[in-house]
Amino acid sequence: QYGGSGVLVGPHHILTAGHNVYSVYNRRWADAISVRLGLNKRAAPFGEIKAAKVYTFSSWVNEGNPNCDMALIVLD
């Protein structure tokens, strides 16, 4: 398991770091992504939402380019 942060940029979109969804070191995508808006320690006041799609730059995936270490999560 891994935890990361992000920002809600639309009603169904989270902007986050590319390393939160794809590991350039292991060459692996996250198996599953759950978003907990407003998470405070273990309290998730808005529950949990699953990711429907994830987008990131090919230069993050293929080259690990730190300038492209960002991703967009589309919520279910």
Protein backbone atom coordinates (compact mmCIF):
# COMPACT_ATOMS: atom_id res chain seq x y z
CA GLN A 1 0.00 0.00 0.00
CA TYR A 2 1.05 3.53 -0.70
CA GLY A 3 -0.44 6.89 0.21
CA GLY A 4 -0.13 10.12 -1.71
CA SER A 5 -1.78 13.48 -1.94
CA GLY A 6 -3.66 15.26 -4.68
CA VAL A 7 -5.98 18.15 -5.35
CA LEU A 8 -9.56 18.06 -6.59
CA VAL A 9 -9.56 20.01 -9.88
CA GLY A 10 -13.06 19.14 -11.08
CA PRO A 11 -16.09 17.23 -9.85
CA HIS A 12 -14.51 13.90 -10.88
CA HIS A 13 -10.81 14.74 -11.34
CA ILE A 14 -7.81 14.58 -9.01
CA LEU A 15 -4.43 16.06 -9.98
CA THR A 16 -1.61 14.15 -8.31
CA ALA A 17 2.00 13.11 -8.81
CA GLY A 18 2.83 10.54 -11.47
CA HIS A 19 4.74 8.48 -8.91
CA ASN A 20 1.45 7.98 -7.04
CA VAL A 21 0.05 5.98 -9.96
CA TYR A 22 3.12 4.59 -11.75
CA SER A 23 6.46 3.47 -10.31
CA VAL A 24 9.32 4.12 -12.72
CA TYR A 25 11.59 2.03 -10.46
CA ASN A 26 9.40 -1.09 -10.55
CA ARG A 27 7.89 -0.36 -13.98
CA ARG A 28 4.42 -0.98 -12.53
CA TRP A 29 1.09 0.78 -12.49
CA ALA A 30 -0.90 0.89 -9.28
CA ASP A 31 -3.12 -2.19 -9.01
CA ALA A 32 -6.02 -0.17 -7.61
CA ILE A 33 -6.49 3.45 -6.62
CA SER A 34 -8.88 4.66 -3.93
CA VAL A 35 -9.38 8.33 -3.19
CA ARG A 36 -10.47 9.61 0.23
CA LEU A 37 -11.31 13.32 0.01
CA GLY A 38 -10.53 15.29 3.14
CA LEU A 39 -8.63 12.39 4.73
CA ASN A 40 -7.41 13.32 8.22
CA LYS A 41 -5.34 10.54 9.77
CA ARG A 42 -7.88 7.69 9.50
CA ALA A 43 -11.05 9.79 9.25
CA ALA A 44 -12.47 9.97 5.71
CA PRO A 45 -15.51 12.28 6.00
CA PHE A 46 -16.56 11.73 2.36
CA GLY A 47 -15.87 8.01 2.18
CA GLU A 48 -13.82 6.28 -0.49
CA ILE A 49 -14.08 6.65 -4.27
CA LYS A 50 -12.41 4.31 -6.76
CA ALA A 51 -10.48 5.54 -9.78
CA ALA A 52 -12.08 4.81 -13.15
CA LYS A 53 -9.13 5.99 -15.30
CA VAL A 54 -5.63 7.33 -14.82
CA TYR A 55 -3.61 9.52 -17.17
CA THR A 56 0.04 10.48 -16.99
CA PHE A 57 2.73 11.58 -19.41
CA SER A 58 4.47 8.95 -21.53
CA SER A 59 7.79 10.62 -20.70
CA TRP A 60 7.13 9.86 -17.01
CA VAL A 61 6.38 6.21 -17.78
CA ASN A 62 9.11 5.66 -20.37
CA GLU A 63 11.92 7.92 -19.14
CA GLY A 64 11.09 8.85 -15.55
CA ASN A 65 11.30 12.52 -16.55
CA PRO A 66 10.84 14.43 -13.25
CA ASN A 67 9.33 17.38 -15.14
CA CYS A 68 6.44 15.09 -16.10
CA ASP A 69 5.86 13.51 -12.68
CA MET A 70 2.14 14.28 -12.62
CA ALA A 71 -1.07 12.41 -13.23
CA LEU A 72 -4.81 12.93 -13.54
CA ILE A 73 -7.17 10.50 -11.82
CA VAL A 74 -10.74 10.28 -13.11
CA LEU A 75 -13.07 9.16 -10.33
CA ASP A 76 -15.73 6.50 -10.76
